[in-house]
């Protein structure tokens, strides 16, 4: 079973539930401890119907458990010899489904990368007796091709929120700016920092990869009349229905951003962990 160290908890639903309102403080503590234990069990969200074990997990003596377990056990359903906390069971299944989707997305992404590397060239066999000559390589054909990451460090020095550098450099390489555009991007960033980012709290400044993927520099370049270039190979990240860019392979495979997927998984209802 894949590791799931946490489950979602909704305080309003928890405190407003009729079963919880019938409990005193000690019973609430017993119930919450048992929910934590149930999350670690197999199947997830269930407990063995064993009062000795339940009393020990609830951190109370057996006589206290016997006198107070009525309100606690109302939050569980007995099925096939085990107590099921139904919301925890559903949450466990949702997390397992999400993990499987992520795993499949990673497999597909790896397959596409492998297919791309296999298409990179073919092996040349020289006839016997001929003087071998080196076969063409990308570096010998495209002598003026820009190196990956060229100019990125100048951008990184200026950007105020230094988070996810690898993702930022990846976004920079997708744009593949020539020398002129590199300078324009850095100048546009300086303008944005002075007029916008410096007025915000640092945690409200977008990640550098997000700013590059959304081509935020074009807002400034368009306003100042600078020439804008866009390589033919550039692919703009697709968007979720809520308008957010889908920046990861997993989000693109699912067709929605992680926030929308979390909202979909969360659902609506009052049966949260009770």
Protein backbone atom coordinates (compact mmCIF):
# COMPACT_ATOMS: atom_id res chain seq x y z
CA UNK A 1 0.00 0.00 0.00
CA UNK A 2 1.41 3.42 -0.96
CA UNK A 3 2.37 5.72 1.88
CA UNK A 4 -0.31 8.30 2.76
CA UNK A 5 0.94 10.12 5.85
CA UNK A 6 -2.08 12.44 6.20
CA UNK A 7 -5.79 12.77 5.55
CA UNK A 8 -7.88 15.90 5.07
CA UNK A 9 -9.68 17.22 8.14
CA UNK A 10 -12.58 19.71 8.09
CA UNK A 11 -13.07 21.32 11.56
CA UNK A 12 -16.49 22.87 10.82
CA UNK A 13 -17.98 19.55 9.73
CA UNK A 14 -16.32 17.73 12.62
CA UNK A 15 -17.55 20.09 15.35
CA UNK A 16 -21.04 20.35 13.84
CA UNK A 17 -21.66 16.62 13.64
CA UNK A 18 -24.42 15.28 15.90
CA UNK A 19 -22.36 12.29 17.04
CA UNK A 20 -19.41 14.47 18.03
CA UNK A 21 -21.65 16.88 19.98
CA UNK A 22 -22.79 13.99 22.21
CA UNK A 23 -19.20 13.26 23.29
CA UNK A 24 -17.39 14.71 26.26
CA UNK A 25 -13.74 15.80 25.96
CA UNK A 26 -12.37 12.38 26.90
CA UNK A 27 -14.55 10.61 24.34
CA UNK A 28 -13.49 13.07 21.62
CA UNK A 29 -9.85 12.31 22.44
CA UNK A 30 -10.49 8.56 22.35
CA UNK A 31 -12.28 8.84 19.00
CA UNK A 32 -9.59 11.02 17.42
CA UNK A 33 -6.80 8.67 18.49
CA UNK A 34 -8.71 5.73 16.99
CA UNK A 35 -9.15 7.64 13.70
CA UNK A 36 -5.38 8.13 13.53
CA UNK A 37 -4.80 4.44 14.17
CA UNK A 38 -7.47 3.47 11.61
CA UNK A 39 -5.70 5.54 8.95
CA UNK A 40 -2.59 3.39 9.40
CA UNK A 41 -4.44 0.07 9.25
CA UNK A 42 -5.03 -2.31 6.38
CA UNK A 43 -7.63 -1.84 5.00
CA UNK A 44 -7.21 1.89 5.56
CA UNK A 45 -9.88 3.50 7.73
CA UNK A 46 -10.77 0.32 9.64
CA UNK A 47 -10.09 -1.16 13.08
CA UNK A 48 -10.30 -4.68 14.52
CA UNK A 49 -13.39 -5.19 16.69
CA UNK A 50 -11.28 -5.98 19.75
CA UNK A 51 -12.09 -3.97 22.89
CA UNK A 52 -8.73 -4.71 24.52
CA UNK A 53 -6.88 -3.28 21.54
CA UNK A 54 -9.27 -0.36 21.12
CA UNK A 55 -8.90 0.63 24.78
CA UNK A 56 -5.12 0.51 24.48
CA UNK A 57 -5.11 2.58 21.26
CA UNK A 58 -7.53 5.08 22.83
CA UNK A 59 -5.04 5.42 25.77
CA UNK A 60 -7.61 4.57 28.46
CA UNK A 61 -8.07 1.73 30.93
CA UNK A 62 -10.39 -1.08 29.95
CA UNK A 63 -13.07 -0.15 32.52
CA UNK A 64 -13.11 3.45 31.20
CA UNK A 65 -13.41 2.13 27.64
CA UNK A 66 -16.28 -0.16 28.61
CA UNK A 67 -18.17 2.71 30.20
CA UNK A 68 -17.59 5.26 27.42
CA UNK A 69 -17.20 3.44 24.11
CA UNK A 70 -20.86 3.76 23.12
CA UNK A 71 -20.59 7.29 21.67
CA UNK A 72 -17.25 6.45 20.04
CA UNK A 73 -18.41 3.25 18.37
CA UNK A 74 -21.44 5.06 16.87
CA UNK A 75 -18.98 6.71 14.47
CA UNK A 76 -17.94 3.31 13.08
CA UNK A 77 -19.84 0.58 11.24
CA UNK A 78 -19.15 -3.10 11.84
CA UNK A 79 -18.47 -4.90 8.55
CA UNK A 80 -16.88 -8.33 8.14
CA UNK A 81 -15.54 -8.32 11.68
CA UNK A 82 -13.92 -4.86 11.49
CA UNK A 83 -15.05 -1.38 12.48
CA UNK A 84 -15.16 0.94 9.43
CA UNK A 85 -14.92 4.74 9.65
CA UNK A 86 -16.58 5.27 6.29
CA UNK A 87 -15.24 8.74 5.51
CA UNK A 88 -11.67 7.61 6.22
CA UNK A 89 -12.21 4.59 3.98
CA UNK A 90 -13.36 6.86 1.12
CA UNK A 91 -10.50 9.30 1.69
CA UNK A 92 -8.03 6.42 1.54
CA UNK A 93 -9.47 5.23 -1.77
CA UNK A 94 -9.35 8.73 -3.23
CA UNK A 95 -5.69 9.12 -2.28
CA UNK A 96 -4.90 5.69 -3.72
CA UNK A 97 -6.62 6.63 -7.01
CA UNK A 98 -4.68 9.92 -7.16
CA UNK A 99 -1.40 8.14 -6.50
CA UNK A 100 -2.15 5.64 -9.26
CA UNK A 101 -2.97 8.44 -11.71
CA UNK A 102 0.29 10.15 -10.80
CA UNK A 103 2.21 6.90 -11.25
CA UNK A 104 0.67 6.27 -14.66
CA UNK A 105 1.41 9.86 -15.67
CA UNK A 106 5.05 9.37 -14.70
CA UNK A 107 5.26 6.15 -16.71
CA UNK A 108 3.78 7.81 -19.81
CA UNK A 109 6.09 10.79 -19.41
CA UNK A 110 9.12 8.46 -19.19
CA UNK A 111 8.00 6.56 -22.27
CA UNK A 112 7.71 9.79 -24.26
CA UNK A 113 11.18 10.87 -23.16
CA UNK A 114 12.63 7.49 -24.15
CA UNK A 115 10.90 7.62 -27.53
CA UNK A 116 12.34 11.07 -28.11
CA UNK A 117 15.89 9.90 -27.32
CA UNK A 118 15.59 6.95 -29.70
CA UNK A 119 14.72 9.30 -32.54
CA UNK A 120 17.84 11.37 -32.02
CA UNK A 121 19.96 9.77 -34.77
CA UNK A 122 21.15 6.58 -36.46
CA UNK A 123 24.40 4.65 -36.40
CA UNK A 124 26.60 4.96 -39.54
CA UNK A 125 28.46 1.82 -40.72
CA UNK A 126 31.61 2.55 -42.75
CA UNK A 127 32.53 0.27 -45.75
CA UNK A 128 35.74 -1.73 -45.27
CA UNK A 129 38.82 -0.19 -46.84
CA UNK A 130 37.54 3.38 -46.72
CA UNK A 131 39.10 5.95 -44.48
CA UNK A 132 36.56 6.56 -41.75
CA UNK A 133 35.25 10.07 -41.43
CA UNK A 134 33.34 11.34 -38.44
CA UNK A 135 29.57 11.27 -38.89
CA UNK A 136 27.83 14.60 -38.47
CA UNK A 137 26.82 15.53 -34.95
CA UNK A 138 24.37 18.18 -33.85
CA UNK A 139 27.23 20.31 -32.55
CA UNK A 140 29.06 20.21 -35.89
CA UNK A 141 25.95 21.01 -37.93
CA UNK A 142 24.41 23.70 -35.74
CA UNK A 143 27.51 25.56 -34.71
CA UNK A 144 25.51 28.62 -33.74
CA UNK A 145 22.90 26.79 -31.64
CA UNK A 146 22.41 28.37 -28.21
CA UNK A 147 23.44 26.35 -25.18
CA UNK A 148 20.77 25.37 -22.67
CA UNK A 149 20.56 27.77 -19.79
CA UNK A 150 22.48 30.52 -21.59
CA UNK A 151 21.60 33.83 -19.93
CA UNK A 152 19.52 32.19 -17.22
CA UNK A 153 21.83 33.13 -14.34
CA UNK A 154 21.44 36.83 -15.22
CA UNK A 155 17.67 36.36 -14.95
CA UNK A 156 17.97 34.38 -11.69
CA UNK A 157 20.09 37.05 -9.99
CA UNK A 158 17.37 39.65 -10.54
CA UNK A 159 14.27 37.57 -9.73
CA UNK A 160 13.28 38.27 -6.10
CA UNK A 161 11.55 35.01 -5.15
CA UNK A 162 14.18 32.31 -5.54
CA UNK A 163 12.12 29.11 -5.56
CA UNK A 164 12.25 25.97 -7.75
CA UNK A 165 15.34 26.96 -9.71
CA UNK A 166 15.34 23.77 -11.81
CA UNK A 167 11.77 24.42 -12.96
CA UNK A 168 12.62 28.04 -13.70
CA UNK A 169 15.61 27.03 -15.83
CA UNK A 170 13.42 24.51 -17.65
CA UNK A 171 10.91 27.27 -18.44
CA UNK A 172 13.79 29.50 -19.61
CA UNK A 173 15.04 26.77 -21.96
CA UNK A 174 11.55 26.37 -23.44
CA UNK A 175 11.63 30.03 -24.43
CA UNK A 176 15.21 29.58 -25.75
CA UNK A 177 15.81 33.34 -26.00
CA UNK A 178 18.52 34.68 -28.26
CA UNK A 179 20.97 37.22 -26.90
CA UNK A 180 18.72 40.17 -27.69
CA UNK A 181 15.65 38.61 -26.04
CA UNK A 182 17.70 37.57 -23.01
CA UNK A 183 18.54 41.21 -22.38
CA UNK A 184 14.94 42.28 -22.97
CA UNK A 185 13.60 39.69 -20.50
CA UNK A 186 16.02 40.80 -17.79
CA UNK A 187 15.17 44.47 -18.39
CA UNK A 188 11.45 43.64 -18.34
CA UNK A 189 11.98 41.78 -15.06
CA UNK A 190 13.75 44.74 -13.51
CA UNK A 191 10.83 46.96 -14.48
CA UNK A 192 8.34 44.47 -13.07
CA UNK A 193 10.28 44.20 -9.81
CA UNK A 194 10.40 47.98 -9.42
CA UNK A 195 6.75 48.65 -10.29
CA UNK A 196 4.99 45.49 -9.10
CA UNK A 197 6.90 42.81 -7.18
CA UNK A 198 8.51 45.28 -4.77
CA UNK A 199 5.02 46.37 -3.69
CA UNK A 200 3.94 42.81 -2.80
CA UNK A 201 4.77 40.49 0.10
CA UNK A 202 7.38 38.01 -1.12
CA UNK A 203 4.97 35.05 -0.87
CA UNK A 204 2.61 36.85 -3.28
CA UNK A 205 5.27 37.10 -5.98
CA UNK A 206 4.81 34.27 -8.53
CA UNK A 207 7.43 31.55 -8.77
CA UNK A 208 9.98 32.38 -11.48
CA UNK A 209 8.90 29.35 -13.57
CA UNK A 210 5.29 30.57 -13.46
CA UNK A 211 6.30 34.07 -14.57
CA UNK A 212 8.34 32.69 -17.46
CA UNK A 213 5.74 30.12 -18.56
CA UNK A 214 3.05 32.82 -18.63
CA UNK A 215 5.50 35.07 -20.56
CA UNK A 216 5.03 37.85 -18.03
CA UNK A 217 7.89 39.77 -19.61
CA UNK A 218 5.74 40.37 -22.69
CA UNK A 219 3.43 42.60 -20.64
CA UNK A 220 6.34 44.99 -20.21
CA UNK A 221 7.91 44.49 -23.64
CA UNK A 222 4.58 45.17 -25.35
CA UNK A 223 4.11 48.35 -23.34
CA UNK A 224 7.62 49.66 -24.06
CA UNK A 225 7.63 48.81 -27.75
CA UNK A 226 10.43 46.22 -27.59
CA UNK A 227 10.48 43.58 -30.27
CA UNK A 228 8.99 40.28 -29.11
CA UNK A 229 10.21 36.98 -30.47
CA UNK A 230 8.70 33.54 -30.10
CA UNK A 231 10.59 30.47 -31.37
CA UNK A 232 8.60 28.14 -33.56
CA UNK A 233 9.28 25.27 -31.18
CA UNK A 234 7.68 27.09 -28.22
CA UNK A 235 4.65 25.34 -26.78
CA UNK A 236 2.43 27.33 -24.40
CA UNK A 237 1.28 25.29 -21.40
CA UNK A 238 -2.43 24.39 -21.56
CA UNK A 239 -4.82 25.90 -19.04
CA UNK A 240 -7.25 24.41 -16.54
CA UNK A 241 -10.92 25.38 -16.75
CA UNK A 242 -10.27 27.72 -13.81
CA UNK A 243 -7.62 29.58 -15.85
CA UNK A 244 -4.48 28.26 -14.12
CA UNK A 245 -1.62 26.99 -16.29
CA UNK A 246 -1.09 23.23 -16.23
CA UNK A 247 2.67 23.23 -15.62
CA UNK A 248 3.32 19.58 -14.74
CA UNK A 249 2.89 16.42 -16.80
CA UNK A 250 0.52 14.99 -14.16
CA UNK A 251 -1.75 18.06 -14.34
CA UNK A 252 -1.71 17.97 -18.14
CA UNK A 253 -2.59 14.26 -18.19
CA UNK A 254 -5.50 14.86 -15.79
CA UNK A 255 -6.65 17.99 -17.65
CA UNK A 256 -6.96 20.08 -14.47
CA UNK A 257 -4.75 21.84 -11.94
CA UNK A 258 -3.91 20.29 -8.57
CA UNK A 259 -6.21 22.74 -6.74
CA UNK A 260 -9.25 21.79 -8.86
CA UNK A 261 -8.41 18.09 -8.48
CA UNK A 262 -8.19 18.55 -4.71
CA UNK A 263 -11.60 20.27 -4.70
CA UNK A 264 -13.05 17.44 -6.79
CA UNK A 265 -11.60 14.82 -4.44
CA UNK A 266 -12.74 16.73 -1.35
CA UNK A 267 -16.37 16.78 -2.49
CA UNK A 268 -19.17 18.31 -0.47
CA UNK A 269 -20.90 16.70 2.52
CA UNK A 270 -21.08 16.54 6.27
CA UNK A 271 -19.82 13.01 6.67
CA UNK A 272 -16.20 14.05 7.23
CA UNK A 273 -14.34 11.80 9.66
CA UNK A 274 -17.26 11.10 11.96
